[in-house]
Amino acid sequence: MLAANRDVLLPVALTVGLLPLVILFSFIVRIATVTERTVATIPFTTPEPEQ
């Protein structure tokens, strides 16, 4: 009976334990992707030159 509980408990405990890290990593990858796609290639300038 104890071995059957261990067969179920171990994967559930690993999943619950690693879930916060997976969520954090997915947010980091999302932020990095959005930042990479929206980065400006040239600095902001106005159409007419400043005097």
PDB file of N, CA and C in Angstrom:
ATOM      1  N   MET A   1       0.823  -1.205   0.000  1.00  0.00           N
ATOM      2  CA  MET A   1       0.000   0.000   0.000  1.00  0.00           C
ATOM      3  C   MET A   1       0.859   1.257   0.000  1.00  0.00           C
ATOM      4  N   LEU A   2       1.962   1.221   0.757  1.00  0.00           N
ATOM      5  CA  LEU A   2       2.836   2.387   0.843  1.00  0.00           C
ATOM      6  C   LEU A   2       3.531   2.659  -0.497  1.00  0.00           C
ATOM      7  N   ALA A   3       3.900   1.591  -1.208  1.00  0.00           N
ATOM      8  CA  ALA A   3       4.555   1.762  -2.501  1.00  0.00           C
ATOM      9  C   ALA A   3       3.602   2.374  -3.521  1.00  0.00           C
ATOM     10  N   ALA A   4       2.330   2.028  -3.445  1.00  0.00           N
ATOM     11  CA  ALA A   4       1.358   2.597  -4.374  1.00  0.00           C
ATOM     12  C   ALA A   4       1.169   4.081  -4.104  1.00  0.00           C
ATOM     13  N   ASN A   5       1.169   4.477  -2.845  1.00  0.00           N
ATOM     14  CA  ASN A   5       1.059   5.894  -2.506  1.00  0.00           C
ATOM     15  C   ASN A   5       2.287   6.662  -2.979  1.00  0.00           C
ATOM     16  N   ARG A   6       3.464   6.062  -2.862  1.00  0.00           N
ATOM     17  CA  ARG A   6       4.697   6.712  -3.287  1.00  0.00           C
ATOM     18  C   ARG A   6       4.711   6.891  -4.807  1.00  0.00           C
ATOM     19  N   ASP A   7       4.154   5.932  -5.534  1.00  0.00           N
ATOM     20  CA  ASP A   7       4.123   6.036  -6.993  1.00  0.00           C
ATOM     21  C   ASP A   7       3.259   7.203  -7.454  1.00  0.00           C
ATOM     22  N   VAL A   8       2.276   7.563  -6.677  1.00  0.00           N
ATOM     23  CA  VAL A   8       1.401   8.682  -7.031  1.00  0.00           C
ATOM     24  C   VAL A   8       1.888   9.964  -6.395  1.00  0.00           C
ATOM     25  N   LEU A   9       2.362   9.897  -5.165  1.00  0.00           N
ATOM     26  CA  LEU A   9       2.734  11.089  -4.411  1.00  0.00           C
ATOM     27  C   LEU A   9       3.973  11.771  -4.976  1.00  0.00           C
ATOM     28  N   LEU A  10       4.951  11.023  -5.394  1.00  0.00           N
ATOM     29  CA  LEU A  10       6.195  11.616  -5.895  1.00  0.00           C
ATOM     30  C   LEU A  10       5.976  12.465  -7.152  1.00  0.00           C
ATOM     31  N   PRO A  11       5.313  11.984  -8.190  1.00  0.00           N
ATOM     32  CA  PRO A  11       5.083  12.847  -9.356  1.00  0.00           C
ATOM     33  C   PRO A  11       4.217  14.065  -9.039  1.00  0.00           C
ATOM     34  N   VAL A  12       3.234  13.901  -8.159  1.00  0.00           N
ATOM     35  CA  VAL A  12       2.387  15.038  -7.789  1.00  0.00           C
ATOM     36  C   VAL A  12       3.199  16.075  -7.024  1.00  0.00           C
ATOM     37  N   ALA A  13       4.039  15.633  -6.112  1.00  0.00           N
ATOM     38  CA  ALA A  13       4.871  16.559  -5.336  1.00  0.00           C
ATOM     39  C   ALA A  13       5.872  17.280  -6.233  1.00  0.00           C
ATOM     40  N   LEU A  14       6.470  16.581  -7.176  1.00  0.00           N
ATOM     41  CA  LEU A  14       7.402  17.222  -8.102  1.00  0.00           C
ATOM     42  C   LEU A  14       6.695  18.253  -8.982  1.00  0.00           C
ATOM     43  N   THR A  15       5.515  17.914  -9.446  1.00  0.00           N
ATOM     44  CA  THR A  15       4.761  18.835 -10.283  1.00  0.00           C
ATOM     45  C   THR A  15       4.380  20.084  -9.513  1.00  0.00           C
ATOM     46  N   VAL A  16       3.865  19.921  -8.318  1.00  0.00           N
ATOM     47  CA  VAL A  16       3.471  21.068  -7.504  1.00  0.00           C
ATOM     48  C   VAL A  16       4.698  21.882  -7.101  1.00  0.00           C
ATOM     49  N   GLY A  17       5.800  21.231  -6.845  1.00  0.00           N
ATOM     50  CA  GLY A  17       7.019  21.931  -6.447  1.00  0.00           C
ATOM     51  C   GLY A  17       7.662  22.715  -7.570  1.00  0.00           C
ATOM     52  N   LEU A  18       7.601  22.203  -8.775  1.00  0.00           N
ATOM     53  CA  LEU A  18       8.251  22.863  -9.907  1.00  0.00           C
ATOM     54  C   LEU A  18       7.336  23.832 -10.658  1.00  0.00           C
ATOM     55  N   LEU A  19       6.055  23.786 -10.386  1.00  0.00           N
ATOM     56  CA  LEU A  19       5.108  24.647 -11.095  1.00  0.00           C
ATOM     57  C   LEU A  19       5.415  26.140 -10.940  1.00  0.00           C
ATOM     58  N   PRO A  20       5.729  26.658  -9.751  1.00  0.00           N
ATOM     59  CA  PRO A  20       6.065  28.087  -9.652  1.00  0.00           C
ATOM     60  C   PRO A  20       7.281  28.481 -10.497  1.00  0.00           C
ATOM     61  N   LEU A  21       8.276  27.609 -10.562  1.00  0.00           N
ATOM     62  CA  LEU A  21       9.454  27.909 -11.377  1.00  0.00           C
ATOM     63  C   LEU A  21       9.116  27.929 -12.862  1.00  0.00           C
ATOM     64  N   VAL A  22       8.261  27.027 -13.290  1.00  0.00           N
ATOM     65  CA  VAL A  22       7.844  26.987 -14.693  1.00  0.00           C
ATOM     66  C   VAL A  22       7.062  28.250 -15.044  1.00  0.00           C
ATOM     67  N   ILE A  23       6.182  28.681 -14.151  1.00  0.00           N
ATOM     68  CA  ILE A  23       5.411  29.901 -14.398  1.00  0.00           C
ATOM     69  C   ILE A  23       6.335  31.109 -14.444  1.00  0.00           C
ATOM     70  N   LEU A  24       7.278  31.201 -13.515  1.00  0.00           N
ATOM     71  CA  LEU A  24       8.235  32.314 -13.514  1.00  0.00           C
ATOM     72  C   LEU A  24       9.058  32.325 -14.793  1.00  0.00           C
ATOM     73  N   PHE A  25       9.539  31.180 -15.213  1.00  0.00           N
ATOM     74  CA  PHE A  25      10.341  31.098 -16.427  1.00  0.00           C
ATOM     75  C   PHE A  25       9.527  31.501 -17.652  1.00  0.00           C
ATOM     76  N   SER A  26       8.250  31.120 -17.692  1.00  0.00           N
ATOM     77  CA  SER A  26       7.423  31.494 -18.839  1.00  0.00           C
ATOM     78  C   SER A  26       7.202  33.005 -18.889  1.00  0.00           C
ATOM     79  N   PHE A  27       7.036  33.657 -17.730  1.00  0.00           N
ATOM     80  CA  PHE A  27       6.911  35.108 -17.718  1.00  0.00           C
ATOM     81  C   PHE A  27       8.199  35.781 -18.173  1.00  0.00           C
ATOM     82  N   ILE A  28       9.343  35.261 -17.762  1.00  0.00           N
ATOM     83  CA  ILE A  28      10.625  35.835 -18.170  1.00  0.00           C
ATOM     84  C   ILE A  28      10.805  35.715 -19.682  1.00  0.00           C
ATOM     85  N   VAL A  29      10.479  34.566 -20.236  1.00  0.00           N
ATOM     86  CA  VAL A  29      10.601  34.373 -21.688  1.00  0.00           C
ATOM     87  C   VAL A  29       9.630  35.295 -22.416  1.00  0.00           C
ATOM     88  N   ARG A  30       8.430  35.456 -21.892  1.00  0.00           N
ATOM     89  CA  ARG A  30       7.442  36.345 -22.524  1.00  0.00           C
ATOM     90  C   ARG A  30       7.924  37.790 -22.519  1.00  0.00           C
ATOM     91  N   ILE A  31       8.428  38.271 -21.388  1.00  0.00           N
ATOM     92  CA  ILE A  31       8.914  39.641 -21.297  1.00  0.00           C
ATOM     93  C   ILE A  31      10.108  39.849 -22.222  1.00  0.00           C
ATOM     94  N   ALA A  32      11.006  38.877 -22.283  1.00  0.00           N
ATOM     95  CA  ALA A  32      12.168  38.989 -23.163  1.00  0.00           C
ATOM     96  C   ALA A  32      11.748  39.025 -24.626  1.00  0.00           C
ATOM     97  N   THR A  33      10.760  38.241 -24.996  1.00  0.00           N
ATOM     98  CA  THR A  33      10.285  38.227 -26.378  1.00  0.00           C
ATOM     99  C   THR A  33       9.624  39.545 -26.749  1.00  0.00           C
ATOM    100  N   VAL A  34       8.780  40.069 -25.887  1.00  0.00           N
ATOM    101  CA  VAL A  34       8.119  41.343 -26.158  1.00  0.00           C
ATOM    102  C   VAL A  34       9.143  42.464 -26.232  1.00  0.00           C
ATOM    103  N   THR A  35      10.122  42.451 -25.334  1.00  0.00           N
ATOM    104  CA  THR A  35      11.163  43.482 -25.344  1.00  0.00           C
ATOM    105  C   THR A  35      11.981  43.415 -26.627  1.00  0.00           C
ATOM    106  N   GLU A  36      12.308  42.227 -27.055  1.00  0.00           N
ATOM    107  CA  GLU A  36      13.108  42.067 -28.276  1.00  0.00           C
ATOM    108  C   GLU A  36      12.345  42.548 -29.509  1.00  0.00           C
ATOM    109  N   ARG A  37      11.053  42.301 -29.556  1.00  0.00           N
ATOM    110  CA  ARG A  37      10.268  42.690 -30.728  1.00  0.00           C
ATOM    111  C   ARG A  37       9.941  44.171 -30.759  1.00  0.00           C
ATOM    112  N   THR A  38       9.977  44.839 -29.610  1.00  0.00           N
ATOM    113  CA  THR A  38       9.599  46.248 -29.573  1.00  0.00           C
ATOM    114  C   THR A  38      10.784  47.173 -29.380  1.00  0.00           C
ATOM    115  N   VAL A  39      11.983  46.663 -29.412  1.00  0.00           N
ATOM    116  CA  VAL A  39      13.154  47.507 -29.218  1.00  0.00           C
ATOM    117  C   VAL A  39      13.320  48.425 -30.436  1.00  0.00           C
ATOM    118  N   ALA A  40      13.655  49.684 -30.189  1.00  0.00           N
ATOM    119  CA  ALA A  40      13.838  50.646 -31.272  1.00  0.00           C
ATOM    120  C   ALA A  40      15.230  50.469 -31.868  1.00  0.00           C
ATOM    121  N   THR A  41      15.313  50.492 -33.182  1.00  0.00           N
ATOM    122  CA  THR A  41      16.612  50.341 -33.833  1.00  0.00           C
ATOM    123  C   THR A  41      17.337  51.675 -33.937  1.00  0.00           C
ATOM    124  N   ILE A  42      16.601  52.772 -33.904  1.00  0.00           N
ATOM    125  CA  ILE A  42      17.217  54.102 -33.929  1.00  0.00           C
ATOM    126  C   ILE A  42      16.633  54.905 -32.779  1.00  0.00           C
ATOM    127  N   PRO A  43      17.379  55.870 -32.267  1.00  0.00           N
ATOM    128  CA  PRO A  43      16.827  56.686 -31.191  1.00  0.00           C
ATOM    129  C   PRO A  43      15.694  57.574 -31.702  1.00  0.00           C
ATOM    130  N   PHE A  44      14.829  57.964 -30.795  1.00  0.00           N
ATOM    131  CA  PHE A  44      13.697  58.804 -31.160  1.00  0.00           C
ATOM    132  C   PHE A  44      14.199  60.178 -31.605  1.00  0.00           C
ATOM    133  N   THR A  45      13.777  60.623 -32.789  1.00  0.00           N
ATOM    134  CA  THR A  45      14.127  61.953 -33.275  1.00  0.00           C
ATOM    135  C   THR A  45      12.865  62.600 -33.839  1.00  0.00           C
ATOM    136  N   THR A  46      12.831  63.886 -33.834  1.00  0.00           N
ATOM    137  CA  THR A  46      11.720  64.635 -34.411  1.00  0.00           C
ATOM    138  C   THR A  46      11.953  64.811 -35.904  1.00  0.00           C
ATOM    139  N   PRO A  47      10.906  65.028 -36.693  1.00  0.00           N
ATOM    140  CA  PRO A  47      11.085  65.182 -38.128  1.00  0.00           C
ATOM    141  C   PRO A  47      11.920  66.413 -38.503  1.00  0.00           C
ATOM    142  N   GLU A  48      11.714  67.530 -37.826  1.00  0.00           N
ATOM    143  CA  GLU A  48      12.514  68.710 -38.142  1.00  0.00           C
ATOM    144  C   GLU A  48      13.687  68.833 -37.173  1.00  0.00           C
ATOM    145  N   PRO A  49      14.812  69.312 -37.636  1.00  0.00           N
ATOM    146  CA  PRO A  49      15.992  69.413 -36.753  1.00  0.00           C
ATOM    147  C   PRO A  49      15.780  70.482 -35.680  1.00  0.00           C
ATOM    148  N   GLU A  50      16.393  70.240 -34.531  1.00  0.00           N
ATOM    149  CA  GLU A  50      16.289  71.204 -33.444  1.00  0.00           C
ATOM    150  C   GLU A  50      17.187  72.394 -33.719  1.00  0.00           C
ATOM    151  N   GLN A  51      16.780  73.566 -33.215  1.00  0.00           N
ATOM    152  CA  GLN A  51      17.603  74.762 -33.439  1.00  0.00           C
ATOM    153  C   GLN A  51      18.152  75.297 -32.159  1.00  0.00           C
TER     154      GLN A  51
END
